[in-house]
Amino acid sequence: MSRRAFLATAAGAAASASMRAARASAVDERQIKVAPGEARLNGADGPSTAVWTYGGTVPGPALRLRQGQPVRIAVENGLDEDTTVHWHGIRLPNAMDGVPGLTQTPIKPGESFVYEFTPPDAGTFWYHPHADSFVQIGRGLAGPLIVEEAEPVVVDRDLFWLLQDWRLAKDGQIAGGFGSAMDASMSGRVGNLVTINGTVPADEGVRAGERIRIRLANACLARMIALRFEGHRPVIVAIDGQPCDPHEPQDSRLVLAPAMRIDVVIDIQGDPGSRHAVIDDFYDGLGYTLTNLAYDKAPPLRAHPLAARLALPRNPLAAPDLGSALRHEIVLQGGMMGGGKLAGIGGMMGMGMPGMNGGAAWAINGMSMTGDGHAGMAPQFTLERGTTCRLTMRNETAWWHPMHVHGFSLSVLSRNGSPVPHRQWQDTVLLAPKDVIECAFVADNPGDWMLHCHVADHQMAGLMTVFRVT
């Protein structure tokens, strides 16, 4: 080989190696270990509580990913039971969805699993287990996940509030009784302590004149949350990670059911040195101050609010074709004060309480799927890839249900016959008692996908189904 040919070959090999290295470096590599740990939920001076952690902390480490950049996350199981991780709200390949039995073999104690996906959407998401859900989430397993926009909204600060509640005994430890019949058939396991990012919240320090973005995520097992920011006017810019038309919330309350996320932008226009309560008053007569916006005494950062527009860039969601859509309906049934009528599993269930001994308390279209997911779950309906589905969800129960769809985001069309404004896309849609909601999506992601209530007790006691995209 001539010297010129040798140099050309060497240069080509070097270029090829460089390209391979560039491609390899483009993959965002992460590692997370699931293991028991300790947390001071009541603050630094409070008692230490035994919890389960991602990466040794509650909540788990904040994962900031880039839209369109591949990620590889190795999850090691240091628990004494099986686990998985569900990347809540991410439209990813079915095999990466984290449902035991249905999409993957559970991660056994001492073993690992590598999740690989490329997030198509920017926005606010979170991650949590989908095995022994009410125990594992209830003991602390949850973490924030942010997919950053290429052109982020102009703000002075970007905050994440991961909201969790805990049912603690008098000794400060997590109370037992997971999966009780009463929780299963009524409102679910609501705790007696609420934390922001793993601790009872202190004041949130702010400065007059600044603009902040707060990413709110409800990681509770069952608690519904309705936040009012006294003296302020939060503007909703995204719901469940998907940008919407910027708007102020109805009745000035931000309602977050378990698993929901809402991004708000707030112009901080109060007086230096003042304090303003952030109140959760979802449950009648049980309102409380979650935290306070506490202004420092510095002069305002600017005299007038930022003029930058609030709208976020849209994500690449396929627009439903309602003219050719296939219609499907799911009906939510069961629960206490719902008659206990669970068609297909024995009617009135005799004299026993629904949900007793791990049994079914709920059904979808007369069928109950209990637990977290398992092989052989028959699909409620099947869609050909590319089809638009117009889905009606009808709540015939006396309880609230945040219905979460895996693998997709739903365009919410109407609630009780009235159009839903602001172009809302959601992966978790809250149904009040007797609500009827219509939504639509394009079946562009093949696989068997779960659709379930994200009140963990309700899901585990039967309020879960599967649909298939072929």
Protein backbone atom coordinates (compact mmCIF):
# COMPACT_ATOMS: atom_id res chain seq x y z
CA MET A 1 0.00 0.00 0.00
CA SER A 2 1.31 3.44 -0.95
CA ARG A 3 1.92 6.04 1.71
CA ARG A 4 -0.92 8.16 0.26
CA ALA A 5 -3.35 5.20 0.36
CA PHE A 6 -2.26 4.32 3.88
CA LEU A 7 -2.85 7.88 5.08
CA ALA A 8 -6.25 8.00 3.37
CA THR A 9 -7.26 4.70 4.96
CA ALA A 10 -6.02 5.83 8.38
CA ALA A 11 -7.84 9.14 8.04
CA GLY A 12 -11.05 7.31 7.07
CA ALA A 13 -10.72 4.96 10.03
CA ALA A 14 -10.09 7.86 12.37
CA ALA A 15 -13.10 9.73 11.02
CA SER A 16 -15.25 6.63 11.39
CA ALA A 17 -14.07 6.14 14.97
CA SER A 18 -14.72 9.80 15.69
CA MET A 19 -18.25 9.50 14.34
CA ARG A 20 -18.86 6.39 16.44
CA ALA A 21 -17.54 8.16 19.51
CA ALA A 22 -19.78 11.15 18.79
CA ARG A 23 -22.79 8.88 18.45
CA ALA A 24 -21.88 7.07 21.67
CA SER A 25 -21.40 10.31 23.55
CA ALA A 26 -24.80 11.51 22.31
CA VAL A 27 -26.47 8.89 24.51
CA ASP A 28 -27.22 10.28 27.96
CA GLU A 29 -26.07 7.58 30.40
CA ARG A 30 -27.62 7.47 33.90
CA GLN A 31 -27.63 5.04 36.83
CA ILE A 32 -30.16 4.76 39.65
CA LYS A 33 -30.18 2.34 42.57
CA VAL A 34 -33.43 1.52 44.35
CA ALA A 35 -32.77 0.83 48.01
CA PRO A 36 -33.97 1.40 51.58
CA GLY A 37 -32.87 4.63 53.19
CA GLU A 38 -33.70 7.33 55.73
CA ALA A 39 -35.37 10.72 55.35
CA ARG A 40 -36.20 13.59 57.68
CA LEU A 41 -39.67 14.34 56.37
CA ASN A 42 -40.39 16.81 59.17
CA GLY A 43 -37.25 18.83 58.54
CA ALA A 44 -33.64 18.65 59.70
CA ASP A 45 -34.63 18.62 63.38
CA GLY A 46 -37.38 16.02 62.99
CA PRO A 47 -37.18 12.26 63.46
CA SER A 48 -35.61 10.03 60.85
CA THR A 49 -38.12 7.93 58.89
CA ALA A 50 -37.26 4.66 57.17
CA VAL A 51 -38.11 5.05 53.48
CA TRP A 52 -37.35 3.54 50.09
CA THR A 53 -35.24 5.69 47.80
CA TYR A 54 -33.98 6.27 44.29
CA GLY A 55 -30.30 7.13 44.49
CA GLY A 56 -30.43 7.42 48.28
CA THR A 57 -32.79 10.40 48.38
CA VAL A 58 -36.50 11.21 48.67
CA PRO A 59 -37.56 12.21 46.13
CA GLY A 60 -35.11 10.57 43.76
CA PRO A 61 -32.58 12.59 41.77
CA ALA A 62 -34.04 15.10 39.32
CA LEU A 63 -33.40 13.75 35.84
CA ARG A 64 -32.98 16.56 33.32
CA LEU A 65 -33.02 15.16 29.81
CA ARG A 66 -32.90 16.77 26.37
CA GLN A 67 -35.76 16.52 23.91
CA GLY A 68 -34.75 14.17 21.10
CA GLN A 69 -31.56 12.94 22.82
CA PRO A 70 -31.36 9.19 23.51
CA VAL A 71 -31.06 8.20 27.15
CA ARG A 72 -29.96 4.96 28.76
CA ILE A 73 -30.88 4.55 32.44
CA ALA A 74 -29.57 1.51 34.34
CA VAL A 75 -31.80 0.72 37.33
CA GLU A 76 -30.39 -1.57 40.06
CA ASN A 77 -32.83 -3.15 42.50
CA GLY A 78 -31.55 -3.06 46.08
CA LEU A 79 -34.94 -3.92 47.60
CA ASP A 80 -36.02 -7.33 48.88
CA GLU A 81 -38.88 -7.44 46.35
CA ASP A 82 -39.40 -7.00 42.61
CA THR A 83 -39.63 -3.52 41.15
CA THR A 84 -39.83 -1.67 37.82
CA VAL A 85 -39.69 1.98 36.79
CA HIS A 86 -42.45 3.69 34.82
CA TRP A 87 -41.40 6.94 33.11
CA HIS A 88 -44.70 8.64 33.64
CA GLY A 89 -45.99 10.63 30.67
CA ILE A 90 -43.10 9.85 28.32
CA ARG A 91 -44.22 8.54 24.93
CA LEU A 92 -41.67 5.75 24.65
CA PRO A 93 -41.39 2.22 23.18
CA ASN A 94 -43.71 -0.29 24.82
CA ALA A 95 -40.84 -2.48 26.08
CA MET A 96 -39.53 0.47 28.13
CA ASP A 97 -42.86 1.30 29.83
CA GLY A 98 -42.12 -0.49 33.10
CA VAL A 99 -45.28 -2.58 33.60
CA PRO A 100 -44.37 -5.95 35.15
CA GLY A 101 -45.46 -8.91 33.09
CA LEU A 102 -47.13 -6.79 30.43
CA THR A 103 -44.10 -4.95 29.02
CA GLN A 104 -41.11 -6.35 30.92
CA THR A 105 -40.00 -8.98 33.37
CA PRO A 106 -39.84 -7.39 36.84
CA ILE A 107 -36.40 -6.43 38.14
CA LYS A 108 -35.56 -9.06 40.76
CA PRO A 109 -33.73 -8.19 43.98
CA GLY A 110 -30.03 -7.71 43.22
CA GLU A 111 -30.61 -7.45 39.48
CA SER A 112 -30.64 -4.54 37.03
CA PHE A 113 -32.57 -3.44 33.97
CA VAL A 114 -31.54 -0.84 31.39
CA TYR A 115 -34.24 1.48 30.09
CA GLU A 116 -33.49 3.05 26.71
CA PHE A 117 -35.65 5.66 25.02
CA THR A 118 -35.56 9.01 23.27
CA PRO A 119 -38.00 11.52 24.80
CA PRO A 120 -39.99 13.09 21.95
CA ASP A 121 -41.65 15.76 24.10
CA ALA A 122 -40.26 18.54 26.23
CA GLY A 123 -42.01 19.11 29.54
CA THR A 124 -42.55 18.05 33.15
CA PHE A 125 -42.76 14.33 33.88
CA TRP A 126 -41.86 12.02 36.77
CA TYR A 127 -40.80 8.43 37.44
CA HIS A 128 -42.06 5.83 39.89
CA PRO A 129 -42.40 2.05 40.33
CA HIS A 130 -45.17 0.01 38.76
CA ALA A 131 -44.72 -3.02 41.01
CA ASP A 132 -46.40 -3.31 44.42
CA SER A 133 -47.42 0.25 43.60
CA PHE A 134 -49.16 1.42 46.74
CA VAL A 135 -46.35 0.13 48.98
CA GLN A 136 -43.41 1.27 46.89
CA ILE A 137 -44.78 4.74 46.07
CA GLY A 138 -46.14 5.04 49.61
CA ARG A 139 -42.65 4.39 51.02
CA GLY A 140 -41.14 7.17 48.94
CA LEU A 141 -40.25 5.92 45.47
CA ALA A 142 -40.80 8.86 43.14
CA GLY A 143 -38.57 11.29 41.28
CA PRO A 144 -38.85 14.35 39.04
CA LEU A 145 -38.09 14.11 35.33
CA ILE A 146 -37.69 17.21 33.19
CA VAL A 147 -37.23 17.16 29.43
CA GLU A 148 -35.83 20.56 28.59
CA GLU A 149 -37.22 22.69 25.78
CA ALA A 150 -34.89 23.78 23.02
CA GLU A 151 -36.34 27.27 23.47
CA PRO A 152 -37.41 27.52 27.12
CA VAL A 153 -39.84 30.10 28.41
CA VAL A 154 -38.10 33.23 29.68
CA VAL A 155 -38.16 33.16 33.49
CA ASP A 156 -35.79 34.13 36.27
CA ARG A 157 -36.06 30.80 38.09
CA ASP A 158 -37.36 27.31 37.26
CA LEU A 159 -38.62 25.35 40.31
CA PHE A 160 -39.92 21.80 40.71
CA TRP A 161 -42.35 21.00 43.53
CA LEU A 162 -42.83 17.24 43.86
CA LEU A 163 -45.76 16.85 46.24
CA GLN A 164 -46.02 13.67 48.31
CA ASP A 165 -48.08 12.72 51.32
CA TRP A 166 -47.21 10.19 53.98
CA ARG A 167 -49.27 8.22 56.47
CA LEU A 168 -47.06 8.28 59.55
CA ALA A 169 -47.53 6.58 62.91
CA LYS A 170 -46.88 8.37 66.21
CA ASP A 171 -43.25 7.28 66.19
CA GLY A 172 -42.66 9.07 62.87
CA GLN A 173 -42.42 5.85 60.87
CA ILE A 174 -44.57 4.95 57.89
CA ALA A 175 -47.76 3.29 59.08
CA GLY A 176 -48.66 -0.18 57.88
CA GLY A 177 -52.04 -1.18 56.52
CA PHE A 178 -51.28 -0.75 52.82
CA GLY A 179 -54.15 -2.05 50.70
CA SER A 180 -56.82 -1.94 53.39
CA ALA A 181 -60.36 -2.71 52.25
CA MET A 182 -61.56 0.74 53.27
CA ASP A 183 -58.82 2.53 51.32
CA ALA A 184 -59.34 0.23 48.35
CA SER A 185 -63.07 0.85 48.06
CA MET A 186 -63.22 4.54 49.03
CA SER A 187 -60.82 7.46 48.54
CA GLY A 188 -57.55 5.49 48.74
CA ARG A 189 -54.67 5.88 51.20
CA VAL A 190 -54.55 9.59 52.07
CA GLY A 191 -51.64 10.51 54.34
CA ASN A 192 -51.35 12.85 57.32
CA LEU A 193 -48.19 14.72 56.27
CA VAL A 194 -47.59 16.58 52.99
CA THR A 195 -44.08 17.34 51.75
CA ILE A 196 -42.52 19.32 48.93
CA ASN A 197 -39.39 17.66 47.55
CA GLY A 198 -39.18 15.29 50.50
CA THR A 199 -39.59 17.59 53.48
CA VAL A 200 -42.25 19.66 55.22
CA PRO A 201 -41.97 22.89 53.27
CA ALA A 202 -40.38 25.99 54.66
CA ASP A 203 -41.18 29.32 53.06
CA GLU A 204 -40.39 29.67 49.37
CA GLY A 205 -38.17 32.73 49.12
CA VAL A 206 -38.99 35.13 46.28
CA ARG A 207 -37.97 38.60 45.14
CA ALA A 208 -40.36 41.30 44.01
CA GLY A 209 -40.32 41.77 40.25
CA GLU A 210 -39.05 38.33 39.30
CA ARG A 211 -40.85 35.79 37.13
CA ILE A 212 -40.79 32.16 38.26
CA ARG A 213 -41.85 28.91 36.69
CA ILE A 214 -43.11 26.26 39.09
CA ARG A 215 -43.46 22.69 37.87
CA LEU A 216 -46.06 21.10 40.16
CA ALA A 217 -46.31 17.30 40.30
CA ASN A 218 -48.66 15.27 42.51
CA ALA A 219 -46.81 12.09 43.52
CA CYS A 220 -49.30 11.14 46.26
CA LEU A 221 -50.96 7.75 46.37
CA ALA A 222 -54.48 9.17 46.58
CA ARG A 223 -54.55 12.77 47.83
CA MET A 224 -56.21 15.32 45.55
CA ILE A 225 -54.67 18.79 45.78
CA ALA A 226 -56.12 22.23 44.94
CA LEU A 227 -53.66 25.10 45.34
CA ARG A 228 -54.44 28.79 45.70
CA PHE A 229 -51.60 31.30 45.57
CA GLU A 230 -52.93 34.16 47.68
CA GLY A 231 -52.21 37.59 46.23
CA HIS A 232 -50.85 36.13 42.97
CA ARG A 233 -52.17 35.12 39.56
CA PRO A 234 -50.46 31.95 38.32
CA VAL A 235 -50.74 31.31 34.60
CA ILE A 236 -50.95 27.70 33.45
CA VAL A 237 -48.56 27.09 30.53
CA ALA A 238 -48.52 23.27 30.44
CA ILE A 239 -50.54 20.33 31.74
CA ASP A 240 -49.02 16.85 32.08
CA GLY A 241 -45.93 18.04 30.22
CA GLN A 242 -47.86 19.30 27.20
CA PRO A 243 -48.02 23.03 26.43
CA CYS A 244 -51.47 24.60 26.41
CA ASP A 245 -52.85 28.04 25.70
CA PRO A 246 -51.62 30.14 28.65
CA HIS A 247 -54.55 30.80 30.97
CA GLU A 248 -55.41 31.46 34.58
CA PRO A 249 -56.98 28.54 36.47
CA GLN A 250 -60.71 28.35 37.02
CA ASP A 251 -61.70 29.78 40.42
CA SER A 252 -57.98 30.57 40.95
CA ARG A 253 -57.39 26.94 42.07
CA LEU A 254 -54.83 24.59 40.56
CA VAL A 255 -56.34 21.12 40.86
CA LEU A 256 -53.83 18.27 40.74
CA ALA A 257 -54.91 14.66 41.11
CA PRO A 258 -52.31 11.95 41.74
CA ALA A 259 -49.88 11.70 38.78
CA MET A 260 -50.90 15.06 37.25
CA ARG A 261 -48.45 17.87 36.56
CA ILE A 262 -49.17 21.55 35.97
CA ASP A 263 -46.56 24.14 34.96
CA VAL A 264 -47.34 27.69 36.04
CA VAL A 265 -45.60 30.99 35.50
CA ILE A 266 -46.01 33.62 38.22
CA ASP A 267 -44.99 37.26 38.10
CA ILE A 268 -43.95 38.10 41.66
CA GLN A 269 -45.56 41.50 42.18
CA GLY A 270 -46.07 41.74 45.97
CA ASP A 271 -44.37 44.11 48.35
CA PRO A 272 -40.81 43.45 49.55
CA GLY A 273 -40.91 41.79 52.97
CA SER A 274 -44.47 40.45 52.58
CA ARG A 275 -45.65 36.82 52.90
CA HIS A 276 -48.43 35.14 50.94
CA ALA A 277 -49.90 31.73 51.72
CA VAL A 278 -50.12 28.87 49.25
CA ILE A 279 -53.21 27.01 50.43
CA ASP A 280 -54.44 23.51 49.60
CA ASP A 281 -58.21 23.44 50.07
CA PHE A 282 -59.39 20.53 47.95
CA TYR A 283 -61.21 18.79 50.81
CA ASP A 284 -64.07 20.76 52.35
CA GLY A 285 -63.21 22.02 55.83
CA LEU A 286 -59.67 20.61 55.68
CA GLY A 287 -57.76 23.46 54.07
CA TYR A 288 -54.21 24.16 55.26
CA THR A 289 -51.23 26.31 54.32
CA LEU A 290 -48.80 24.23 52.27
CA THR A 291 -46.12 26.92 52.17
CA ASN A 292 -45.69 30.69 51.84
CA LEU A 293 -44.19 32.90 49.20
CA ALA A 294 -41.86 34.95 51.39
CA TYR A 295 -40.53 38.14 49.80
CA ASP A 296 -37.08 39.31 50.71
CA LYS A 297 -36.60 42.98 51.51
CA ALA A 298 -34.60 43.81 48.41
CA PRO A 299 -36.02 46.35 45.97
CA PRO A 300 -37.93 44.89 43.00
CA LEU A 301 -35.82 43.15 40.39
CA ARG A 302 -37.63 45.11 37.69
CA ALA A 303 -40.28 47.81 37.65
CA HIS A 304 -42.64 46.03 35.26
CA PRO A 305 -43.31 42.33 34.51
CA LEU A 306 -41.31 40.73 31.74
CA ALA A 307 -42.81 41.28 28.30
CA ALA A 308 -41.67 37.88 27.01
CA ARG A 309 -44.51 35.67 25.82
CA LEU A 310 -45.57 32.81 28.05
CA ALA A 311 -46.53 30.23 25.43
CA LEU A 312 -44.26 27.19 25.25
CA PRO A 313 -43.25 25.57 21.95
CA ARG A 314 -45.63 22.75 21.00
CA ASN A 315 -44.55 19.13 21.11
CA PRO A 316 -44.77 16.84 18.04
CA LEU A 317 -48.15 15.26 18.84
CA ALA A 318 -50.17 13.82 15.97
CA ALA A 319 -53.46 15.68 15.52
CA PRO A 320 -56.53 13.39 15.82
CA ASP A 321 -58.75 13.11 12.76
CA LEU A 322 -62.15 13.26 14.42
CA GLY A 323 -63.97 12.74 11.14
CA SER A 324 -62.61 9.20 10.75
CA ALA A 325 -62.21 8.36 14.44
CA LEU A 326 -63.19 5.01 15.91
CA ARG A 327 -65.31 5.40 19.04
CA HIS A 328 -64.70 3.45 22.23
CA GLU A 329 -66.15 3.87 25.71
CA ILE A 330 -64.95 2.82 29.13
CA VAL A 331 -67.28 2.90 32.13
CA LEU A 332 -65.87 3.11 35.67
CA GLN A 333 -67.86 1.05 38.16
CA GLY A 334 -67.80 -0.06 41.80
CA GLY A 335 -66.56 1.29 45.10
CA MET A 336 -68.42 1.91 48.33
CA MET A 337 -71.69 3.75 47.87
CA GLY A 338 -71.53 2.71 44.25
CA GLY A 339 -73.71 -0.33 44.81
CA GLY A 340 -70.77 -2.74 44.66
CA LYS A 341 -72.06 -3.92 41.29
CA LEU A 342 -69.10 -5.48 39.54
CA ALA A 343 -70.42 -7.34 36.53
CA GLY A 344 -68.40 -10.40 35.70
CA ILE A 345 -67.09 -11.10 39.22
CA GLY A 346 -70.18 -12.02 41.17
CA GLY A 347 -72.59 -9.10 41.14
CA MET A 348 -73.21 -7.63 44.59
CA MET A 349 -70.29 -9.56 46.16
CA GLY A 350 -72.42 -10.84 49.03
CA MET A 351 -71.93 -9.27 52.47
CA GLY A 352 -68.19 -8.70 52.17
CA MET A 353 -66.62 -5.28 51.73
CA PRO A 354 -65.30 -4.60 48.21
CA GLY A 355 -61.52 -4.82 48.08
CA MET A 356 -61.24 -7.18 51.05
CA ASN A 357 -58.28 -9.60 51.02
CA GLY A 358 -56.89 -8.11 47.83
CA GLY A 359 -60.07 -8.71 45.88
CA ALA A 360 -61.71 -6.42 43.36
CA ALA A 361 -63.54 -3.26 44.41
CA TRP A 362 -63.75 -1.65 40.98
CA ALA A 363 -64.32 -2.55 37.36
CA ILE A 364 -64.04 -1.09 33.87
CA ASN A 365 -66.82 -2.20 31.55
CA GLY A 366 -67.64 -4.98 34.01
CA MET A 367 -64.11 -6.40 34.14
CA SER A 368 -61.66 -6.08 37.03
CA MET A 369 -57.89 -6.29 36.56
CA THR A 370 -56.19 -6.27 39.95
CA GLY A 371 -52.54 -5.72 40.80
CA ASP A 372 -49.89 -3.97 38.74
CA GLY A 373 -50.01 -5.77 35.44
CA HIS A 374 -49.39 -9.31 34.33
CA ALA A 375 -48.95 -11.41 31.23
CA GLY A 376 -52.07 -12.31 29.30
CA MET A 377 -54.12 -9.22 30.13
CA ALA A 378 -56.80 -9.23 27.41
CA PRO A 379 -57.17 -5.88 25.65
CA GLN A 380 -60.37 -3.90 26.18
CA PHE A 381 -60.12 -2.80 22.54
CA THR A 382 -57.64 -2.99 19.66
CA LEU A 383 -56.62 -0.18 17.30
CA GLU A 384 -54.71 -0.35 14.05
CA ARG A 385 -51.63 1.82 14.00
CA GLY A 386 -52.41 5.32 12.74
CA THR A 387 -56.09 5.15 13.67
CA THR A 388 -57.69 8.01 15.56
CA CYS A 389 -59.53 6.85 18.68
CA ARG A 390 -62.31 8.95 20.17
CA LEU A 391 -62.54 7.69 23.72
CA THR A 392 -65.39 8.36 26.13
CA MET A 393 -64.70 7.84 29.84
CA ARG A 394 -67.80 7.60 32.03
CA ASN A 395 -67.53 7.63 35.84
CA GLU A 396 -70.53 5.86 37.34
CA THR A 397 -68.98 5.78 40.83
CA ALA A 398 -69.22 8.13 43.83
CA TRP A 399 -65.46 8.79 43.86
CA TRP A 400 -62.82 10.82 42.02
CA HIS A 401 -60.60 8.96 39.56
CA PRO A 402 -57.48 10.31 37.76
CA MET A 403 -57.35 8.04 34.71
CA HIS A 404 -53.83 7.64 33.35
CA VAL A 405 -53.02 6.37 29.86
CA HIS A 406 -49.59 4.89 29.14
CA GLY A 407 -47.73 5.63 25.91
CA PHE A 408 -49.92 8.49 24.70
CA SER A 409 -51.23 11.94 25.46
CA LEU A 410 -54.96 12.57 25.07
CA SER A 411 -56.52 15.62 23.48
CA VAL A 412 -59.32 16.41 25.95
CA LEU A 413 -62.38 17.45 23.94
CA SER A 414 -65.28 17.84 26.35
CA ARG A 415 -66.39 17.42 29.95
CA ASN A 416 -70.06 16.63 30.58
CA GLY A 417 -70.94 17.86 27.10
CA SER A 418 -69.11 21.21 27.35
CA PRO A 419 -66.02 21.80 25.20
CA VAL A 420 -62.70 21.94 27.07
CA PRO A 421 -60.83 25.18 26.27
CA HIS A 422 -57.12 25.99 25.99
CA ARG A 423 -56.12 23.03 23.74
CA GLN A 424 -55.35 20.67 26.59
CA TRP A 425 -53.42 17.42 26.14
CA GLN A 426 -53.19 15.18 29.18
CA ASP A 427 -51.95 11.71 30.09
CA THR A 428 -53.89 11.78 33.39
CA VAL A 429 -57.50 12.97 33.19
CA LEU A 430 -59.40 13.60 36.43
CA LEU A 431 -63.02 12.43 36.52
CA ALA A 432 -65.23 13.73 39.31
CA PRO A 433 -68.15 11.52 40.41
CA LYS A 434 -70.57 11.02 37.50
CA ASP A 435 -68.33 12.91 35.04
CA VAL A 436 -68.32 12.02 31.34
CA ILE A 437 -65.20 13.06 29.43
CA GLU A 438 -64.45 12.76 25.73
CA CYS A 439 -60.91 12.72 24.44
CA ALA A 440 -59.02 11.63 21.33
CA PHE A 441 -55.59 10.39 20.31
CA VAL A 442 -53.78 8.91 17.33
CA ALA A 443 -52.77 5.28 17.87
CA ASP A 444 -49.20 5.80 16.61
CA ASN A 445 -47.34 3.79 19.28
CA PRO A 446 -47.67 -0.01 18.96
CA GLY A 447 -48.00 -2.34 21.92
CA ASP A 448 -50.25 -3.28 24.82
CA TRP A 449 -50.85 -0.18 26.93
CA MET A 450 -52.33 0.26 30.38
CA LEU A 451 -55.18 2.63 31.17
CA HIS A 452 -55.88 2.85 34.88
CA CYS A 453 -56.84 5.00 37.84
CA HIS A 454 -53.77 6.56 39.47
CA VAL A 455 -55.24 6.36 42.95
CA ALA A 456 -52.99 3.38 43.65
CA ASP A 457 -55.54 1.53 45.80
CA HIS A 458 -58.15 1.81 43.06
CA GLN A 459 -55.78 0.48 40.41
CA MET A 460 -54.66 -2.43 42.58
CA ALA A 461 -58.31 -3.27 43.35
CA GLY A 462 -59.44 -3.53 39.74
CA LEU A 463 -59.68 -0.10 38.11
CA MET A 464 -57.31 -0.95 35.29
CA THR A 465 -57.53 -2.13 31.73
CA VAL A 466 -55.38 -2.60 28.64
CA PHE A 467 -55.77 -1.57 25.01
CA ARG A 468 -53.71 -2.78 22.07
CA VAL A 469 -52.20 -0.94 19.11
CA THR A 470 -51.17 -3.26 16.27
